[in-house]
Amino acid sequence: MEKKLDEIEENKEAAETKEENSKNVPICCVGCVRWEKFGKSCYYYWEGKKHCTMWIGSWDDAMQQPL
């Protein structure tokens, strides 16, 4: 029972983080799967960013990028 409560709490926190990220998304990051996953912790994000050369629409596309 306690394990189930911990799982519910983790899911709630993840949903709140995702909701916060969706409210604060910069215009250049709209639709980017990196932003959806990492939010302000995205390696390519910085405050005031106007254009992102690392924007990616799907994880399939991300896997096809050369290293």
PDB file of N, CA and C in Angstrom:
ATOM      1  N   MET A   1       0.827  -1.197   0.000  1.00  0.00           N
ATOM      2  CA  MET A   1       0.000   0.000   0.000  1.00  0.00           C
ATOM      3  C   MET A   1       0.871   1.260   0.000  1.00  0.00           C
ATOM      4  N   GLU A   2       1.911   1.253   0.827  1.00  0.00           N
ATOM      5  CA  GLU A   2       2.793   2.412   0.917  1.00  0.00           C
ATOM      6  C   GLU A   2       3.541   2.632  -0.399  1.00  0.00           C
ATOM      7  N   LYS A   3       3.922   1.541  -1.048  1.00  0.00           N
ATOM      8  CA  LYS A   3       4.609   1.631  -2.342  1.00  0.00           C
ATOM      9  C   LYS A   3       3.703   2.278  -3.377  1.00  0.00           C
ATOM     10  N   LYS A   4       2.432   1.919  -3.366  1.00  0.00           N
ATOM     11  CA  LYS A   4       1.454   2.478  -4.298  1.00  0.00           C
ATOM     12  C   LYS A   4       1.289   3.986  -4.068  1.00  0.00           C
ATOM     13  N   LEU A   5       1.266   4.402  -2.806  1.00  0.00           N
ATOM     14  CA  LEU A   5       1.148   5.829  -2.487  1.00  0.00           C
ATOM     15  C   LEU A   5       2.360   6.608  -2.978  1.00  0.00           C
ATOM     16  N   ASP A   6       3.554   6.021  -2.825  1.00  0.00           N
ATOM     17  CA  ASP A   6       4.767   6.669  -3.319  1.00  0.00           C
ATOM     18  C   ASP A   6       4.716   6.827  -4.838  1.00  0.00           C
ATOM     19  N   GLU A   7       4.224   5.797  -5.520  1.00  0.00           N
ATOM     20  CA  GLU A   7       4.113   5.844  -6.981  1.00  0.00           C
ATOM     21  C   GLU A   7       3.125   6.916  -7.422  1.00  0.00           C
ATOM     22  N   ILE A   8       2.016   7.029  -6.728  1.00  0.00           N
ATOM     23  CA  ILE A   8       1.013   8.051  -7.046  1.00  0.00           C
ATOM     24  C   ILE A   8       1.612   9.444  -6.847  1.00  0.00           C
ATOM     25  N   GLU A   9       2.356   9.629  -5.766  1.00  0.00           N
ATOM     26  CA  GLU A   9       2.986  10.922  -5.478  1.00  0.00           C
ATOM     27  C   GLU A   9       4.011  11.289  -6.555  1.00  0.00           C
ATOM     28  N   GLU A  10       4.810  10.309  -7.013  1.00  0.00           N
ATOM     29  CA  GLU A  10       5.797  10.557  -8.074  1.00  0.00           C
ATOM     30  C   GLU A  10       5.096  10.959  -9.369  1.00  0.00           C
ATOM     31  N   ASN A  11       4.011  10.275  -9.707  1.00  0.00           N
ATOM     32  CA  ASN A  11       3.254  10.608 -10.918  1.00  0.00           C
ATOM     33  C   ASN A  11       2.667  12.009 -10.825  1.00  0.00           C
ATOM     34  N   LYS A  12       2.195  12.379  -9.658  1.00  0.00           N
ATOM     35  CA  LYS A  12       1.625  13.713  -9.448  1.00  0.00           C
ATOM     36  C   LYS A  12       2.694  14.788  -9.643  1.00  0.00           C
ATOM     37  N   GLU A  13       3.878  14.558  -9.074  1.00  0.00           N
ATOM     38  CA  GLU A  13       4.981  15.515  -9.217  1.00  0.00           C
ATOM     39  C   GLU A  13       5.419  15.635 -10.674  1.00  0.00           C
ATOM     40  N   ALA A  14       5.471  14.521 -11.386  1.00  0.00           N
ATOM     41  CA  ALA A  14       5.852  14.543 -12.802  1.00  0.00           C
ATOM     42  C   ALA A  14       4.823  15.319 -13.615  1.00  0.00           C
ATOM     43  N   ALA A  15       3.552  15.135 -13.317  1.00  0.00           N
ATOM     44  CA  ALA A  15       2.489  15.854 -14.031  1.00  0.00           C
ATOM     45  C   ALA A  15       2.573  17.351 -13.752  1.00  0.00           C
ATOM     46  N   GLU A  16       2.847  17.722 -12.512  1.00  0.00           N
ATOM     47  CA  GLU A  16       2.973  19.139 -12.167  1.00  0.00           C
ATOM     48  C   GLU A  16       4.160  19.773 -12.884  1.00  0.00           C
ATOM     49  N   THR A  17       5.271  19.064 -12.968  1.00  0.00           N
ATOM     50  CA  THR A  17       6.454  19.569 -13.665  1.00  0.00           C
ATOM     51  C   THR A  17       6.153  19.744 -15.141  1.00  0.00           C
ATOM     52  N   LYS A  18       5.496  18.769 -15.747  1.00  0.00           N
ATOM     53  CA  LYS A  18       5.148  18.854 -17.162  1.00  0.00           C
ATOM     54  C   LYS A  18       4.203  20.021 -17.419  1.00  0.00           C
ATOM     55  N   GLU A  19       3.231  20.223 -16.523  1.00  0.00           N
ATOM     56  CA  GLU A  19       2.295  21.339 -16.664  1.00  0.00           C
ATOM     57  C   GLU A  19       3.019  22.674 -16.542  1.00  0.00           C
ATOM     58  N   GLU A  20       3.948  22.777 -15.602  1.00  0.00           N
ATOM     59  CA  GLU A  20       4.738  24.003 -15.419  1.00  0.00           C
ATOM     60  C   GLU A  20       5.563  24.291 -16.667  1.00  0.00           C
ATOM     61  N   ASN A  21       6.193  23.254 -17.234  1.00  0.00           N
ATOM     62  CA  ASN A  21       6.990  23.420 -18.445  1.00  0.00           C
ATOM     63  C   ASN A  21       6.126  23.886 -19.605  1.00  0.00           C
ATOM     64  N   SER A  22       4.910  23.358 -19.724  1.00  0.00           N
ATOM     65  CA  SER A  22       4.049  23.737 -20.842  1.00  0.00           C
ATOM     66  C   SER A  22       3.575  25.177 -20.724  1.00  0.00           C
ATOM     67  N   LYS A  23       3.461  25.696 -19.506  1.00  0.00           N
ATOM     68  CA  LYS A  23       3.045  27.084 -19.307  1.00  0.00           C
ATOM     69  C   LYS A  23       4.170  28.066 -19.607  1.00  0.00           C
ATOM     70  N   ASN A  24       5.406  27.668 -19.353  1.00  0.00           N
ATOM     71  CA  ASN A  24       6.548  28.569 -19.461  1.00  0.00           C
ATOM     72  C   ASN A  24       7.391  28.335 -20.706  1.00  0.00           C
ATOM     73  N   VAL A  25       6.846  27.636 -21.695  1.00  0.00           N
ATOM     74  CA  VAL A  25       7.634  27.282 -22.876  1.00  0.00           C
ATOM     75  C   VAL A  25       7.970  28.525 -23.710  1.00  0.00           C
ATOM     76  N   PRO A  26       9.254  28.737 -24.026  1.00  0.00           N
ATOM     77  CA  PRO A  26       9.635  29.838 -24.914  1.00  0.00           C
ATOM     78  C   PRO A  26       9.101  29.574 -26.331  1.00  0.00           C
ATOM     79  N   ILE A  27       8.868  30.593 -27.092  1.00  0.00           N
ATOM     80  CA  ILE A  27       8.315  30.447 -28.438  1.00  0.00           C
ATOM     81  C   ILE A  27       9.179  29.542 -29.300  1.00  0.00           C
ATOM     82  N   CYS A  28      10.486  29.650 -29.207  1.00  0.00           N
ATOM     83  CA  CYS A  28      11.365  28.833 -30.049  1.00  0.00           C
ATOM     84  C   CYS A  28      11.382  27.363 -29.633  1.00  0.00           C
ATOM     85  N   CYS A  29      10.826  27.034 -28.479  1.00  0.00           N
ATOM     86  CA  CYS A  29      10.834  25.657 -27.981  1.00  0.00           C
ATOM     87  C   CYS A  29       9.481  24.951 -28.113  1.00  0.00           C
ATOM     88  N   VAL A  30       8.464  25.642 -28.609  1.00  0.00           N
ATOM     89  CA  VAL A  30       7.137  25.041 -28.743  1.00  0.00           C
ATOM     90  C   VAL A  30       7.218  23.829 -29.664  1.00  0.00           C
ATOM     91  N   GLY A  31       6.749  22.676 -29.168  1.00  0.00           N
ATOM     92  CA  GLY A  31       6.746  21.450 -29.952  1.00  0.00           C
ATOM     93  C   GLY A  31       8.032  20.647 -29.902  1.00  0.00           C
ATOM     94  N   CYS A  32       9.042  21.138 -29.223  1.00  0.00           N
ATOM     95  CA  CYS A  32      10.327  20.436 -29.134  1.00  0.00           C
ATOM     96  C   CYS A  32      10.241  19.344 -28.069  1.00  0.00           C
ATOM     97  N   VAL A  33      10.604  18.113 -28.447  1.00  0.00           N
ATOM     98  CA  VAL A  33      10.537  17.007 -27.490  1.00  0.00           C
ATOM     99  C   VAL A  33      11.590  17.151 -26.396  1.00  0.00           C
ATOM    100  N   ARG A  34      12.693  17.812 -26.694  1.00  0.00           N
ATOM    101  CA  ARG A  34      13.697  18.049 -25.642  1.00  0.00           C
ATOM    102  C   ARG A  34      13.121  18.951 -24.557  1.00  0.00           C
ATOM    103  N   TRP A  35      12.418  20.017 -24.964  1.00  0.00           N
ATOM    104  CA  TRP A  35      11.796  20.918 -23.992  1.00  0.00           C
ATOM    105  C   TRP A  35      10.731  20.172 -23.202  1.00  0.00           C
ATOM    106  N   GLU A  36       9.917  19.350 -23.886  1.00  0.00           N
ATOM    107  CA  GLU A  36       8.870  18.605 -23.198  1.00  0.00           C
ATOM    108  C   GLU A  36       9.445  17.681 -22.131  1.00  0.00           C
ATOM    109  N   LYS A  37      10.599  17.108 -22.392  1.00  0.00           N
ATOM    110  CA  LYS A  37      11.209  16.188 -21.428  1.00  0.00           C
ATOM    111  C   LYS A  37      11.987  16.912 -20.337  1.00  0.00           C
ATOM    112  N   PHE A  38      12.794  17.899 -20.717  1.00  0.00           N
ATOM    113  CA  PHE A  38      13.720  18.518 -19.775  1.00  0.00           C
ATOM    114  C   PHE A  38      13.309  19.906 -19.286  1.00  0.00           C
ATOM    115  N   GLY A  39      12.457  20.605 -20.022  1.00  0.00           N
ATOM    116  CA  GLY A  39      12.052  21.948 -19.616  1.00  0.00           C
ATOM    117  C   GLY A  39      13.254  22.879 -19.523  1.00  0.00           C
ATOM    118  N   LYS A  40      13.294  23.674 -18.465  1.00  0.00           N
ATOM    119  CA  LYS A  40      14.400  24.628 -18.303  1.00  0.00           C
ATOM    120  C   LYS A  40      15.733  23.944 -18.032  1.00  0.00           C
ATOM    121  N   SER A  41      15.719  22.644 -17.827  1.00  0.00           N
ATOM    122  CA  SER A  41      16.961  21.887 -17.641  1.00  0.00           C
ATOM    123  C   SER A  41      17.547  21.429 -18.975  1.00  0.00           C
ATOM    124  N   CYS A  42      16.892  21.762 -20.081  1.00  0.00           N
ATOM    125  CA  CYS A  42      17.400  21.395 -21.407  1.00  0.00           C
ATOM    126  C   CYS A  42      18.790  22.004 -21.598  1.00  0.00           C
ATOM    127  N   TYR A  43      19.713  21.187 -22.079  1.00  0.00           N
ATOM    128  CA  TYR A  43      21.093  21.621 -22.269  1.00  0.00           C
ATOM    129  C   TYR A  43      21.209  22.797 -23.242  1.00  0.00           C
ATOM    130  N   TYR A  44      20.283  22.881 -24.184  1.00  0.00           N
ATOM    131  CA  TYR A  44      20.348  23.903 -25.224  1.00  0.00           C
ATOM    132  C   TYR A  44      19.531  25.154 -24.901  1.00  0.00           C
ATOM    133  N   TYR A  45      18.876  25.184 -23.759  1.00  0.00           N
ATOM    134  CA  TYR A  45      18.014  26.310 -23.382  1.00  0.00           C
ATOM    135  C   TYR A  45      18.774  27.348 -22.572  1.00  0.00           C
ATOM    136  N   TRP A  46      18.458  28.601 -22.805  1.00  0.00           N
ATOM    137  CA  TRP A  46      18.880  29.673 -21.907  1.00  0.00           C
ATOM    138  C   TRP A  46      17.810  30.754 -21.948  1.00  0.00           C
ATOM    139  N   GLU A  47      17.718  31.524 -20.888  1.00  0.00           N
ATOM    140  CA  GLU A  47      16.709  32.574 -20.741  1.00  0.00           C
ATOM    141  C   GLU A  47      16.882  33.610 -21.843  1.00  0.00           C
ATOM    142  N   GLY A  48      15.804  33.948 -22.530  1.00  0.00           N
ATOM    143  CA  GLY A  48      15.835  34.947 -23.583  1.00  0.00           C
ATOM    144  C   GLY A  48      16.204  34.404 -24.955  1.00  0.00           C
ATOM    145  N   LYS A  49      16.294  33.103 -25.095  1.00  0.00           N
ATOM    146  CA  LYS A  49      16.672  32.489 -26.374  1.00  0.00           C
ATOM    147  C   LYS A  49      15.604  32.795 -27.426  1.00  0.00           C
ATOM    148  N   LYS A  50      16.032  33.182 -28.621  1.00  0.00           N
ATOM    149  CA  LYS A  50      15.100  33.561 -29.677  1.00  0.00           C
ATOM    150  C   LYS A  50      15.012  32.523 -30.794  1.00  0.00           C
ATOM    151  N   HIS A  51      16.066  31.747 -31.006  1.00  0.00           N
ATOM    152  CA  HIS A  51      16.079  30.732 -32.062  1.00  0.00           C
ATOM    153  C   HIS A  51      16.896  29.537 -31.579  1.00  0.00           C
ATOM    154  N   CYS A  52      16.388  28.331 -31.846  1.00  0.00           N
ATOM    155  CA  CYS A  52      17.103  27.129 -31.414  1.00  0.00           C
ATOM    156  C   CYS A  52      17.471  26.286 -32.624  1.00  0.00           C
ATOM    157  N   THR A  53      18.749  26.026 -32.783  1.00  0.00           N
ATOM    158  CA  THR A  53      19.207  25.182 -33.887  1.00  0.00           C
ATOM    159  C   THR A  53      19.130  23.701 -33.522  1.00  0.00           C
ATOM    160  N   MET A  54      18.793  23.397 -32.273  1.00  0.00           N
ATOM    161  CA  MET A  54      18.709  22.010 -31.812  1.00  0.00           C
ATOM    162  C   MET A  54      17.273  21.550 -31.607  1.00  0.00           C
ATOM    163  N   TRP A  55      16.288  22.305 -32.102  1.00  0.00           N
ATOM    164  CA  TRP A  55      14.875  21.943 -31.975  1.00  0.00           C
ATOM    165  C   TRP A  55      14.642  20.609 -32.663  1.00  0.00           C
ATOM    166  N   ILE A  56      13.885  19.731 -32.023  1.00  0.00           N
ATOM    167  CA  ILE A  56      13.608  18.418 -32.601  1.00  0.00           C
ATOM    168  C   ILE A  56      12.146  18.056 -32.320  1.00  0.00           C
ATOM    169  N   GLY A  57      11.454  17.611 -33.354  1.00  0.00           N
ATOM    170  CA  GLY A  57      10.020  17.317 -33.252  1.00  0.00           C
ATOM    171  C   GLY A  57       9.689  15.925 -32.773  1.00  0.00           C
ATOM    172  N   SER A  58      10.638  14.992 -32.875  1.00  0.00           N
ATOM    173  CA  SER A  58      10.382  13.631 -32.398  1.00  0.00           C
ATOM    174  C   SER A  58      11.695  12.974 -32.008  1.00  0.00           C
ATOM    175  N   TRP A  59      11.612  11.981 -31.136  1.00  0.00           N
ATOM    176  CA  TRP A  59      12.818  11.272 -30.715  1.00  0.00           C
ATOM    177  C   TRP A  59      13.380  10.443 -31.857  1.00  0.00           C
ATOM    178  N   ASP A  60      12.529  10.031 -32.807  1.00  0.00           N
ATOM    179  CA  ASP A  60      13.025   9.300 -33.980  1.00  0.00           C
ATOM    180  C   ASP A  60      13.973  10.189 -34.783  1.00  0.00           C
ATOM    181  N   ASP A  61      13.598  11.458 -34.969  1.00  0.00           N
ATOM    182  CA  ASP A  61      14.460  12.406 -35.671  1.00  0.00           C
ATOM    183  C   ASP A  61      15.759  12.640 -34.908  1.00  0.00           C
ATOM    184  N   ALA A  62      15.671  12.672 -33.585  1.00  0.00           N
ATOM    185  CA  ALA A  62      16.864  12.892 -32.778  1.00  0.00           C
ATOM    186  C   ALA A  62      17.865  11.765 -32.933  1.00  0.00           C
ATOM    187  N   MET A  63      17.380  10.542 -33.094  1.00  0.00           N
ATOM    188  CA  MET A  63      18.265   9.400 -33.231  1.00  0.00           C
ATOM    189  C   MET A  63      18.963   9.377 -34.600  1.00  0.00           C
ATOM    190  N   GLN A  64      18.429  10.095 -35.576  1.00  0.00           N
ATOM    191  CA  GLN A  64      19.011  10.131 -36.914  1.00  0.00           C
ATOM    192  C   GLN A  64      20.052  11.224 -37.088  1.00  0.00           C
ATOM    193  N   GLN A  65      20.187  12.111 -36.094  1.00  0.00           N
ATOM    194  CA  GLN A  65      21.169  13.183 -36.192  1.00  0.00           C
ATOM    195  C   GLN A  65      22.577  12.618 -36.064  1.00  0.00           C
ATOM    196  N   PRO A  66      23.504  13.114 -36.888  1.00  0.00           N
ATOM    197  CA  PRO A  66      24.890  12.638 -36.793  1.00  0.00           C
ATOM    198  C   PRO A  66      25.524  13.085 -35.474  1.00  0.00           C
ATOM    199  N   LEU A  67      26.440  12.295 -34.977  1.00  0.00           N
ATOM    200  CA  LEU A  67      27.121  12.643 -33.721  1.00  0.00           C
ATOM    201  C   LEU A  67      28.258  13.552 -33.952  1.00  0.00           C
TER     202      LEU A  67
END
